Amino acid sequence: MEFVGWVVTAFAVLLTGISKSGLGGALGGLAVPFMSMWISPRDAVAVMLPILIAMDFVGIRAWRGKADWAELRLLIPAALVGIALGTLAFGVMSDRLVTGAVGAIAVAFAVDRMLRRGRKSAGGAGERRRGFAWLCGGGAGFTSTLAHAGGPPIMIYMLSRQLPKEAFAATSVFFFAVINLAKLPFYLGLDLFSRDTLLMSAMLLPLVPLGVFLGMRLLARIPERPFYLFATAALGLSGVKLLWDAIAG
């Protein structure tokens, strides 16, 4: 890549680490579209997967004992189904179609949350909650497989549950740790990795602990109510970015 490409990519990776450890991954999908301005989307997702896995392991160490496992037991099986479907769709579905759909849903949910601030949504007990968890978890697995854009679907679910901010961040970290590891054999089967993509991943890895550290510091400084407002705004912004990518692409 050109020098500017490296600078933009490094910033996007740093922002991904901050987002994953402090905002539940709302802005974690920025790196692939930014990178795709200089390299192919297939190479971009291959470069990012080892970096995301490294971020997940750092995050797990930092957030151990704080994740909500009842939520994870609902979300992870759905995400695994979504990963399988995303692998089948890889190279068949238009990237613009998937990106635009995820962006539109993220923006709509963020607007709804702002308009109905203070009330829970779609997070009720029983079958309704389970169905919503499968929809969001499956959607996160599907979009994460195609473009590492699983943040908005999972944030939609997590915001609806209104967990304490530490549990919110920790549950998101553990969720993505599982699905990113689950994507690895599928990516190997699709032959996405090359010497160049692995070398590029290695060159960007030093940014991982810095991004996670900054995200945790940010989370510690934000009170509970502003955190949810900030997370909702981040979700909306990520949706706008995805919509723009779909329209401009």
Protein backbone atom coordinates (compact mmCIF):
# COMPACT_ATOMS: atom_id res chain seq x y z
CA MET A 1 0.00 0.00 0.00
CA GLU A 2 0.93 3.66 -0.29
CA PHE A 3 2.13 5.48 2.82
CA VAL A 4 -1.26 7.17 3.25
CA GLY A 5 -2.90 3.75 3.10
CA TRP A 6 -0.73 2.50 5.94
CA VAL A 7 -1.50 5.57 8.06
CA VAL A 8 -5.27 5.27 7.51
CA THR A 9 -5.19 1.52 8.14
CA ALA A 10 -3.17 1.93 11.34
CA PHE A 11 -5.67 4.52 12.61
CA ALA A 12 -8.59 2.22 11.74
CA VAL A 13 -6.96 -0.71 13.58
CA LEU A 14 -6.34 1.49 16.63
CA LEU A 15 -9.95 2.68 16.55
CA THR A 16 -11.09 -0.94 16.26
CA GLY A 17 -9.22 -1.85 19.45
CA ILE A 18 -10.69 1.14 21.29
CA SER A 19 -14.18 0.29 20.05
CA LYS A 20 -13.99 -3.45 20.83
CA SER A 21 -12.82 -2.94 24.41
CA GLY A 22 -14.83 0.16 25.25
CA LEU A 23 -17.92 0.38 23.03
CA GLY A 24 -18.86 -3.21 22.24
CA GLY A 25 -17.38 -3.10 18.74
CA ALA A 26 -19.65 -0.43 17.23
CA LEU A 27 -16.85 1.02 15.10
CA GLY A 28 -14.97 -2.24 14.63
CA GLY A 29 -16.08 -2.56 11.01
CA LEU A 30 -14.22 0.54 9.84
CA ALA A 31 -10.87 -1.12 9.14
CA VAL A 32 -12.02 -3.33 6.25
CA PRO A 33 -13.69 -0.55 4.19
CA PHE A 34 -10.73 1.76 4.78
CA MET A 35 -8.23 -0.93 3.82
CA SER A 36 -10.31 -1.84 0.76
CA MET A 37 -9.45 1.53 -0.77
CA TRP A 38 -5.94 0.18 -1.34
CA ILE A 39 -6.23 -3.62 -1.38
CA SER A 40 -9.00 -6.05 -2.33
CA PRO A 41 -11.82 -6.68 0.20
CA ARG A 42 -10.83 -10.36 0.35
CA ASP A 43 -7.28 -9.43 1.35
CA ALA A 44 -8.59 -6.83 3.81
CA VAL A 45 -10.70 -9.34 5.73
CA ALA A 46 -7.77 -11.79 5.72
CA VAL A 47 -5.44 -9.13 7.15
CA MET A 48 -7.89 -8.15 9.88
CA LEU A 49 -8.84 -11.59 11.22
CA PRO A 50 -5.51 -12.33 13.03
CA ILE A 51 -5.55 -8.77 14.40
CA LEU A 52 -9.11 -9.17 15.69
CA ILE A 53 -8.26 -12.50 17.32
CA ALA A 54 -5.27 -10.89 19.05
CA MET A 55 -7.53 -8.07 20.28
CA ASP A 56 -10.00 -10.62 21.58
CA PHE A 57 -7.35 -12.46 23.60
CA VAL A 58 -6.10 -9.20 25.13
CA GLY A 59 -9.68 -8.20 25.88
CA ILE A 60 -10.55 -11.56 27.47
CA ARG A 61 -7.63 -11.21 29.85
CA ALA A 62 -8.73 -7.70 30.77
CA TRP A 63 -12.46 -8.49 31.16
CA ARG A 64 -12.41 -12.02 32.60
CA GLY A 65 -15.16 -12.67 35.13
CA LYS A 66 -17.40 -9.82 33.94
CA ALA A 67 -19.19 -11.28 30.90
CA ASP A 68 -22.87 -12.25 31.06
CA TRP A 69 -22.85 -15.95 30.14
CA ALA A 70 -26.63 -16.21 30.01
CA GLU A 71 -26.57 -13.79 27.08
CA LEU A 72 -23.63 -15.56 25.44
CA ARG A 73 -25.44 -18.91 25.57
CA LEU A 74 -28.21 -17.35 23.49
CA LEU A 75 -26.01 -15.45 21.05
CA ILE A 76 -23.13 -17.81 20.24
CA PRO A 77 -25.10 -20.72 18.69
CA ALA A 78 -26.94 -18.23 16.46
CA ALA A 79 -23.64 -16.64 15.45
CA LEU A 80 -22.17 -20.01 14.45
CA VAL A 81 -25.12 -20.56 12.13
CA GLY A 82 -24.60 -17.06 10.73
CA ILE A 83 -20.90 -17.80 10.10
CA ALA A 84 -21.79 -20.93 8.13
CA LEU A 85 -24.33 -19.00 6.03
CA GLY A 86 -21.85 -16.15 5.54
CA THR A 87 -19.23 -18.61 4.27
CA LEU A 88 -21.71 -19.97 1.72
CA ALA A 89 -22.58 -16.41 0.64
CA PHE A 90 -18.94 -15.27 0.40
CA GLY A 91 -18.29 -14.23 -3.18
CA VAL A 92 -21.96 -14.76 -4.14
CA MET A 93 -23.78 -11.92 -2.41
CA SER A 94 -22.92 -8.36 -3.28
CA ASP A 95 -20.79 -6.65 -0.63
CA ARG A 96 -22.81 -3.49 -1.23
CA LEU A 97 -26.09 -5.27 -0.50
CA VAL A 98 -24.88 -6.72 2.81
CA THR A 99 -23.17 -3.49 3.85
CA GLY A 100 -26.20 -1.37 3.01
CA ALA A 101 -28.62 -3.65 4.85
CA VAL A 102 -26.51 -3.69 8.02
CA GLY A 103 -26.06 0.08 7.86
CA ALA A 104 -29.77 0.76 7.42
CA ILE A 105 -30.69 -1.48 10.37
CA ALA A 106 -28.04 0.12 12.59
CA VAL A 107 -29.22 3.66 11.78
CA ALA A 108 -32.89 2.74 12.29
CA PHE A 109 -32.20 1.15 15.66
CA ALA A 110 -30.04 4.07 16.84
CA VAL A 111 -32.76 6.57 15.90
CA ASP A 112 -35.37 4.43 17.66
CA ARG A 113 -33.22 4.27 20.80
CA MET A 114 -32.80 8.02 20.82
CA LEU A 115 -36.52 8.63 20.37
CA ARG A 116 -37.49 6.13 23.07
CA ARG A 117 -34.59 6.81 25.42
CA GLY A 118 -34.87 5.16 28.82
CA ARG A 119 -37.15 2.31 27.76
CA LYS A 120 -36.09 -1.22 26.94
CA SER A 121 -36.76 -2.58 23.49
CA ALA A 122 -37.10 -6.13 22.23
CA GLY A 123 -35.35 -7.44 25.29
CA GLY A 124 -38.24 -9.16 27.00
CA ALA A 125 -38.20 -12.59 28.54
CA GLY A 126 -38.97 -15.95 27.01
CA GLU A 127 -39.40 -16.69 23.32
CA ARG A 128 -39.35 -13.04 22.27
CA ARG A 129 -35.93 -12.48 23.81
CA ARG A 130 -34.60 -15.78 22.44
CA GLY A 131 -35.83 -14.98 18.94
CA PHE A 132 -34.30 -11.50 19.06
CA ALA A 133 -31.01 -12.97 20.30
CA TRP A 134 -30.96 -15.45 17.40
CA LEU A 135 -31.74 -12.70 14.91
CA CYS A 136 -28.97 -10.41 16.17
CA GLY A 137 -26.45 -13.17 16.89
CA GLY A 138 -27.03 -14.81 13.52
CA GLY A 139 -26.82 -11.44 11.78
CA ALA A 140 -23.57 -10.65 13.57
CA GLY A 141 -22.04 -13.97 12.52
CA PHE A 142 -23.16 -13.50 8.92
CA THR A 143 -21.96 -9.90 8.48
CA SER A 144 -18.79 -10.54 10.47
CA THR A 145 -17.85 -13.37 8.11
CA LEU A 146 -18.32 -11.20 5.02
CA ALA A 147 -16.74 -7.95 6.21
CA HIS A 148 -15.94 -8.10 9.97
CA ALA A 149 -19.03 -5.89 10.37
CA GLY A 150 -20.67 -7.85 13.18
CA GLY A 151 -20.59 -4.93 15.63
CA PRO A 152 -23.91 -3.22 14.75
CA PRO A 153 -26.12 -6.35 15.00
CA ILE A 154 -24.65 -7.39 18.34
CA MET A 155 -24.81 -3.84 19.69
CA ILE A 156 -28.49 -3.69 18.79
CA TYR A 157 -29.08 -6.66 21.06
CA MET A 158 -26.74 -5.51 23.85
CA LEU A 159 -28.27 -2.03 23.97
CA SER A 160 -31.73 -3.57 24.25
CA ARG A 161 -30.61 -5.55 27.31
CA GLN A 162 -29.25 -2.45 29.14
CA LEU A 163 -26.53 -4.34 30.98
CA PRO A 164 -24.06 -2.50 33.23
CA LYS A 165 -21.38 -0.96 31.04
CA GLU A 166 -18.64 -3.37 32.19
CA ALA A 167 -20.84 -6.39 31.47
CA PHE A 168 -21.82 -4.83 28.13
CA ALA A 169 -18.18 -4.48 27.04
CA ALA A 170 -17.05 -7.83 28.49
CA THR A 171 -19.91 -9.81 26.93
CA SER A 172 -19.18 -8.25 23.54
CA VAL A 173 -15.47 -9.10 23.83
CA PHE A 174 -16.15 -12.75 24.71
CA PHE A 175 -18.76 -13.04 21.94
CA PHE A 176 -16.37 -11.81 19.25
CA ALA A 177 -13.55 -13.94 20.61
CA VAL A 178 -15.64 -17.05 19.94
CA ILE A 179 -16.91 -16.05 16.50
CA ASN A 180 -13.54 -14.78 15.24
CA LEU A 181 -11.92 -18.08 16.19
CA ALA A 182 -14.84 -19.91 14.57
CA LYS A 183 -14.25 -17.97 11.33
CA LEU A 184 -10.63 -19.09 11.11
CA PRO A 185 -11.19 -22.59 9.61
CA PHE A 186 -13.74 -21.17 7.15
CA TYR A 187 -11.24 -18.53 5.98
CA LEU A 188 -8.60 -21.23 5.62
CA GLY A 189 -11.06 -23.27 3.56
CA LEU A 190 -11.73 -20.25 1.34
CA ASP A 191 -7.92 -19.85 0.91
CA LEU A 192 -8.03 -16.18 1.92
CA PHE A 193 -4.66 -16.05 3.67
CA SER A 194 -1.38 -15.44 1.86
CA ARG A 195 2.17 -14.61 2.83
CA ASP A 196 1.49 -10.92 2.15
CA THR A 197 -1.70 -10.72 4.21
CA LEU A 198 -0.06 -12.49 7.16
CA LEU A 199 2.98 -10.19 6.96
CA MET A 200 0.71 -7.15 6.94
CA SER A 201 -1.20 -8.50 9.97
CA ALA A 202 2.09 -8.95 11.82
CA MET A 203 3.16 -5.36 11.09
CA LEU A 204 -0.11 -4.01 12.52
CA LEU A 205 -0.23 -6.23 15.62
CA PRO A 206 1.74 -3.82 17.89
CA LEU A 207 -1.28 -1.49 17.78
CA VAL A 208 -3.51 -4.12 19.43
CA PRO A 209 -2.60 -3.68 23.15
CA LEU A 210 -2.57 0.11 22.78
CA GLY A 211 -6.08 0.17 21.30
CA VAL A 212 -7.49 -2.15 23.98
CA PHE A 213 -5.82 -0.12 26.75
CA LEU A 214 -7.23 3.16 25.42
CA GLY A 215 -10.70 1.61 25.10
CA MET A 216 -10.68 0.43 28.71
CA ARG A 217 -9.49 3.82 29.93
CA LEU A 218 -12.28 5.48 27.97
CA LEU A 219 -14.89 3.13 29.42
CA ALA A 220 -13.68 3.76 32.98
CA ARG A 221 -14.15 7.51 32.55
CA ILE A 222 -17.68 7.44 31.08
CA PRO A 223 -20.64 7.28 33.56
CA GLU A 224 -23.38 4.74 32.87
CA ARG A 225 -26.00 6.98 31.22
CA PRO A 226 -23.60 8.89 28.94
CA PHE A 227 -22.03 5.54 28.03
CA TYR A 228 -25.31 4.30 26.57
CA LEU A 229 -25.89 7.58 24.75
CA PHE A 230 -22.36 7.43 23.37
CA ALA A 231 -22.74 3.78 22.37
CA THR A 232 -26.03 4.50 20.61
CA ALA A 233 -24.46 7.42 18.77
CA ALA A 234 -21.51 5.23 17.77
CA LEU A 235 -23.91 2.61 16.47
CA GLY A 236 -25.70 5.23 14.40
CA LEU A 237 -22.44 6.61 13.01
CA SER A 238 -21.24 3.14 12.09
CA GLY A 239 -24.53 2.58 10.29
CA VAL A 240 -24.16 5.85 8.37
CA LYS A 241 -20.62 4.83 7.37
CA LEU A 242 -21.83 1.43 6.14
CA LEU A 243 -24.67 3.03 4.19
CA TRP A 244 -22.24 5.48 2.59
CA ASP A 245 -19.94 2.59 1.63
CA ALA A 246 -22.87 0.79 0.01
CA ILE A 247 -24.05 3.84 -1.94
CA ALA A 248 -20.63 5.15 -2.94
CA GLY A 249 -19.17 1.70 -3.69
